[in-house]
Each structure stands twice: as C-alpha cells, then as structure tokens.
Amino acid sequence: MLSLNAIYLDNWVKRAKIEKKITWHCARHSFGTNLVFYGGDLRSTSSLLGHSNTREREKYVHIVESLKEKSEFNLPEIKFQHLKD
C-alpha cells in the first residue's frame, strides 16, 4: 500500500505531465536547484532542505553554473547590420 506522501508525489508528477519515475529525493533536489537558479540564496535554500553543512549546499552552485553555461549556448546568433546615414 502506498503512503500518503507517495500518493501526493504521484499526483503531482501526473499533473505536471512528467513521464518518468520521480522519487522524493529527485523532487527535493529539483526544488533546491530551482530555488538557487531563480535567485534564492544558498543559506536559505540549505535551511529549507535541512542541510547541516556547507558541502551539501555546494552541489547546487555547480548545477546552477552548469545550467547557466548551457543556456548561453542556446541563445540565437544576433547579427547586426550597419545603418547608412
């Protein structure tokens, strides 16, 4: 029998139209990553996730930096044209 937490998670995953298996650990990690990515500071994020040391929060810095680098490569090329007077 599924726990109430598992039922909540399954409902959330279905409503979000996520088609892969999501565990609480995965959801928690995604929550932390999104907090930092969208401007949350590391101390607050770590507190919300219950981290007890700085080493645990450092992984979120690396993930966000990696996402930022990838997003730069997804920008379309901007071509400038010189305007004549």
N, C-alpha and C. Protein backbone atom coordinates (compact mmCIF):
# COMPACT_ATOMS: atom_id res chain seq x y z
N MET A 1 0.84 -1.19 0.00
CA MET A 1 0.00 0.00 0.00
C MET A 1 0.89 1.25 0.00
N LEU A 2 0.53 2.24 -0.80
CA LEU A 2 1.30 3.47 -0.90
C LEU A 2 1.05 4.37 0.30
N SER A 3 2.11 5.04 0.74
CA SER A 3 1.96 6.01 1.81
C SER A 3 1.26 7.26 1.27
N LEU A 4 0.76 8.08 2.15
CA LEU A 4 0.11 9.32 1.75
C LEU A 4 1.09 10.23 1.00
N ASN A 5 2.34 10.26 1.45
CA ASN A 5 3.36 11.06 0.76
C ASN A 5 3.58 10.57 -0.66
N ALA A 6 3.61 9.27 -0.86
CA ALA A 6 3.81 8.70 -2.20
C ALA A 6 2.62 9.05 -3.10
N ILE A 7 1.43 9.04 -2.53
CA ILE A 7 0.24 9.39 -3.31
C ILE A 7 0.30 10.86 -3.73
N TYR A 8 0.69 11.74 -2.81
CA TYR A 8 0.84 13.16 -3.15
C TYR A 8 1.86 13.36 -4.26
N LEU A 9 3.00 12.68 -4.14
CA LEU A 9 4.05 12.81 -5.15
C LEU A 9 3.55 12.30 -6.50
N ASP A 10 2.90 11.14 -6.51
CA ASP A 10 2.39 10.59 -7.77
C ASP A 10 1.38 11.54 -8.42
N ASN A 11 0.51 12.14 -7.62
CA ASN A 11 -0.47 13.08 -8.16
C ASN A 11 0.22 14.31 -8.74
N TRP A 12 1.22 14.82 -8.03
CA TRP A 12 1.96 15.99 -8.50
C TRP A 12 2.66 15.68 -9.83
N VAL A 13 3.29 14.51 -9.93
CA VAL A 13 4.00 14.12 -11.14
C VAL A 13 3.03 13.99 -12.31
N LYS A 14 1.86 13.42 -12.07
CA LYS A 14 0.86 13.27 -13.14
C LYS A 14 0.35 14.63 -13.59
N ARG A 15 0.05 15.53 -12.65
CA ARG A 15 -0.45 16.87 -13.01
C ARG A 15 0.60 17.66 -13.77
N ALA A 16 1.86 17.43 -13.47
CA ALA A 16 2.95 18.13 -14.16
C ALA A 16 3.27 17.47 -15.50
N LYS A 17 2.59 16.37 -15.80
CA LYS A 17 2.80 15.62 -17.06
C LYS A 17 4.24 15.15 -17.22
N ILE A 18 4.82 14.73 -16.12
CA ILE A 18 6.17 14.17 -16.13
C ILE A 18 6.02 12.68 -16.39
N GLU A 19 6.73 12.17 -17.37
CA GLU A 19 6.55 10.79 -17.78
C GLU A 19 7.61 9.83 -17.27
N LYS A 20 8.50 10.30 -16.43
CA LYS A 20 9.50 9.38 -15.89
C LYS A 20 9.29 9.21 -14.39
N LYS A 21 9.93 8.22 -13.83
CA LYS A 21 9.79 7.93 -12.41
C LYS A 21 10.48 9.02 -11.59
N ILE A 22 9.72 9.63 -10.69
CA ILE A 22 10.25 10.69 -9.83
C ILE A 22 10.15 10.22 -8.38
N THR A 23 11.26 10.29 -7.69
CA THR A 23 11.28 9.93 -6.27
C THR A 23 11.26 11.22 -5.44
N TRP A 24 11.02 11.08 -4.13
CA TRP A 24 11.07 12.26 -3.26
C TRP A 24 12.45 12.89 -3.29
N HIS A 25 13.47 12.07 -3.36
CA HIS A 25 14.84 12.61 -3.41
C HIS A 25 15.02 13.47 -4.66
N CYS A 26 14.55 12.98 -5.78
CA CYS A 26 14.65 13.73 -7.04
C CYS A 26 13.86 15.03 -6.96
N ALA A 27 12.64 14.97 -6.42
CA ALA A 27 11.80 16.16 -6.31
C ALA A 27 12.45 17.19 -5.38
N ARG A 28 13.02 16.71 -4.29
CA ARG A 28 13.69 17.60 -3.32
C ARG A 28 14.90 18.28 -3.96
N HIS A 29 15.66 17.51 -4.70
CA HIS A 29 16.84 18.05 -5.38
C HIS A 29 16.43 19.08 -6.44
N SER A 30 15.37 18.79 -7.18
CA SER A 30 14.87 19.74 -8.18
C SER A 30 14.39 21.02 -7.51
N PHE A 31 13.73 20.89 -6.38
CA PHE A 31 13.27 22.06 -5.62
C PHE A 31 14.45 22.94 -5.23
N GLY A 32 15.50 22.33 -4.69
CA GLY A 32 16.69 23.08 -4.30
C GLY A 32 17.37 23.75 -5.47
N THR A 33 17.50 23.03 -6.56
CA THR A 33 18.14 23.57 -7.76
C THR A 33 17.35 24.77 -8.29
N ASN A 34 16.03 24.63 -8.35
CA ASN A 34 15.19 25.73 -8.83
C ASN A 34 15.25 26.94 -7.91
N LEU A 35 15.28 26.72 -6.61
CA LEU A 35 15.40 27.85 -5.69
C LEU A 35 16.65 28.67 -5.99
N VAL A 36 17.77 27.99 -6.13
CA VAL A 36 19.04 28.68 -6.37
C VAL A 36 19.04 29.30 -7.77
N PHE A 37 18.57 28.56 -8.75
CA PHE A 37 18.58 29.05 -10.13
C PHE A 37 17.77 30.32 -10.28
N TYR A 38 16.65 30.41 -9.58
CA TYR A 38 15.78 31.58 -9.70
C TYR A 38 16.04 32.63 -8.63
N GLY A 39 17.26 32.62 -8.07
CA GLY A 39 17.68 33.72 -7.23
C GLY A 39 17.71 33.50 -5.74
N GLY A 40 17.32 32.33 -5.28
CA GLY A 40 17.38 32.05 -3.84
C GLY A 40 18.82 31.96 -3.38
N ASP A 41 19.09 32.48 -2.20
CA ASP A 41 20.47 32.39 -1.71
C ASP A 41 20.72 30.99 -1.14
N LEU A 42 21.99 30.61 -1.12
CA LEU A 42 22.37 29.26 -0.70
C LEU A 42 22.02 28.97 0.76
N ARG A 43 22.18 29.95 1.62
CA ARG A 43 21.90 29.72 3.04
C ARG A 43 20.42 29.39 3.26
N SER A 44 19.53 30.16 2.65
CA SER A 44 18.09 29.91 2.79
C SER A 44 17.71 28.57 2.16
N THR A 45 18.25 28.31 0.98
CA THR A 45 17.96 27.04 0.31
C THR A 45 18.41 25.87 1.16
N SER A 46 19.61 25.94 1.70
CA SER A 46 20.14 24.88 2.55
C SER A 46 19.27 24.68 3.78
N SER A 47 18.81 25.77 4.34
CA SER A 47 17.95 25.70 5.52
C SER A 47 16.63 25.00 5.19
N LEU A 48 16.03 25.38 4.05
CA LEU A 48 14.77 24.76 3.65
C LEU A 48 14.93 23.26 3.37
N LEU A 49 16.10 22.88 2.89
CA LEU A 49 16.35 21.46 2.58
C LEU A 49 16.88 20.68 3.78
N GLY A 50 17.18 21.38 4.87
CA GLY A 50 17.66 20.71 6.07
C GLY A 50 19.12 20.32 6.03
N HIS A 51 19.91 20.97 5.19
CA HIS A 51 21.34 20.66 5.11
C HIS A 51 22.04 21.11 6.39
N SER A 52 22.97 20.30 6.83
CA SER A 52 23.68 20.61 8.08
C SER A 52 25.10 21.13 7.85
N ASN A 53 25.59 21.04 6.61
CA ASN A 53 26.95 21.55 6.37
C ASN A 53 27.04 22.21 5.00
N THR A 54 28.10 22.98 4.81
CA THR A 54 28.25 23.74 3.57
C THR A 54 28.56 22.85 2.37
N ARG A 55 29.14 21.69 2.61
CA ARG A 55 29.48 20.80 1.50
C ARG A 55 28.22 20.37 0.73
N GLU A 56 27.14 20.15 1.47
CA GLU A 56 25.90 19.73 0.82
C GLU A 56 25.33 20.83 -0.07
N ARG A 57 25.50 22.08 0.32
CA ARG A 57 24.94 23.17 -0.48
C ARG A 57 25.79 23.48 -1.69
N GLU A 58 27.05 23.11 -1.67
CA GLU A 58 27.95 23.42 -2.79
C GLU A 58 27.51 22.74 -4.09
N LYS A 59 26.87 21.59 -4.01
CA LYS A 59 26.47 20.90 -5.24
C LYS A 59 25.46 21.72 -6.03
N TYR A 60 24.67 22.52 -5.35
CA TYR A 60 23.70 23.35 -6.05
C TYR A 60 24.38 24.47 -6.83
N VAL A 61 25.48 24.98 -6.31
CA VAL A 61 26.24 26.01 -7.03
C VAL A 61 26.75 25.44 -8.34
N HIS A 62 27.30 24.23 -8.31
CA HIS A 62 27.84 23.61 -9.53
C HIS A 62 26.75 23.34 -10.55
N ILE A 63 25.59 22.90 -10.09
CA ILE A 63 24.48 22.61 -11.01
C ILE A 63 24.01 23.88 -11.69
N VAL A 64 23.83 24.93 -10.91
CA VAL A 64 23.35 26.20 -11.47
C VAL A 64 24.36 26.79 -12.44
N GLU A 65 25.65 26.74 -12.11
CA GLU A 65 26.67 27.25 -13.02
C GLU A 65 26.65 26.48 -14.33
N SER A 66 26.46 25.17 -14.25
CA SER A 66 26.40 24.34 -15.45
C SER A 66 25.18 24.71 -16.29
N LEU A 67 24.04 24.93 -15.65
CA LEU A 67 22.83 25.32 -16.38
C LEU A 67 23.00 26.68 -17.05
N LYS A 68 23.66 27.61 -16.38
CA LYS A 68 23.89 28.93 -16.96
C LYS A 68 24.77 28.83 -18.19
N GLU A 69 25.82 28.01 -18.13
CA GLU A 69 26.71 27.84 -19.28
C GLU A 69 25.95 27.24 -20.46
N LYS A 70 25.11 26.24 -20.19
CA LYS A 70 24.34 25.62 -21.26
C LYS A 70 23.37 26.61 -21.89
N SER A 71 22.75 27.44 -21.06
CA SER A 71 21.76 28.38 -21.59
C SER A 71 22.40 29.41 -22.51
N GLU A 72 23.65 29.77 -22.27
CA GLU A 72 24.33 30.71 -23.14
C GLU A 72 24.46 30.17 -24.56
N PHE A 73 24.65 28.87 -24.68
CA PHE A 73 24.81 28.26 -26.00
C PHE A 73 23.48 28.11 -26.73
N ASN A 74 22.37 28.25 -26.02
CA ASN A 74 21.05 28.12 -26.64
C ASN A 74 20.55 29.44 -27.22
N LEU A 75 21.24 30.53 -26.95
CA LEU A 75 20.83 31.81 -27.50
C LEU A 75 21.07 31.84 -29.00
N PRO A 76 20.13 32.42 -29.74
CA PRO A 76 20.36 32.52 -31.19
C PRO A 76 21.44 33.55 -31.49
N GLU A 77 22.06 33.39 -32.62
CA GLU A 77 23.09 34.33 -33.04
C GLU A 77 22.44 35.66 -33.40
N ILE A 78 23.01 36.72 -32.93
CA ILE A 78 22.49 38.05 -33.24
C ILE A 78 23.38 38.67 -34.31
N LYS A 79 22.77 39.05 -35.40
CA LYS A 79 23.51 39.67 -36.50
C LYS A 79 23.16 41.14 -36.56
N PHE A 80 24.17 41.95 -36.61
CA PHE A 80 23.98 43.40 -36.66
C PHE A 80 24.23 43.88 -38.08
N GLN A 81 23.42 44.82 -38.49
CA GLN A 81 23.60 45.44 -39.78
C GLN A 81 23.98 46.90 -39.55
N HIS A 82 24.91 47.37 -40.33
CA HIS A 82 25.31 48.77 -40.23
C HIS A 82 24.26 49.62 -40.94
N LEU A 83 23.82 50.64 -40.26
CA LEU A 83 22.85 51.56 -40.86
C LEU A 83 23.57 52.68 -41.58
N LYS A 84 23.11 53.01 -42.77
CA LYS A 84 23.70 54.12 -43.52
C LYS A 84 22.97 55.39 -43.17
N ASP A 85 23.70 56.48 -43.07
CA ASP A 85 23.09 57.79 -42.77
C ASP A 85 22.33 58.33 -43.94
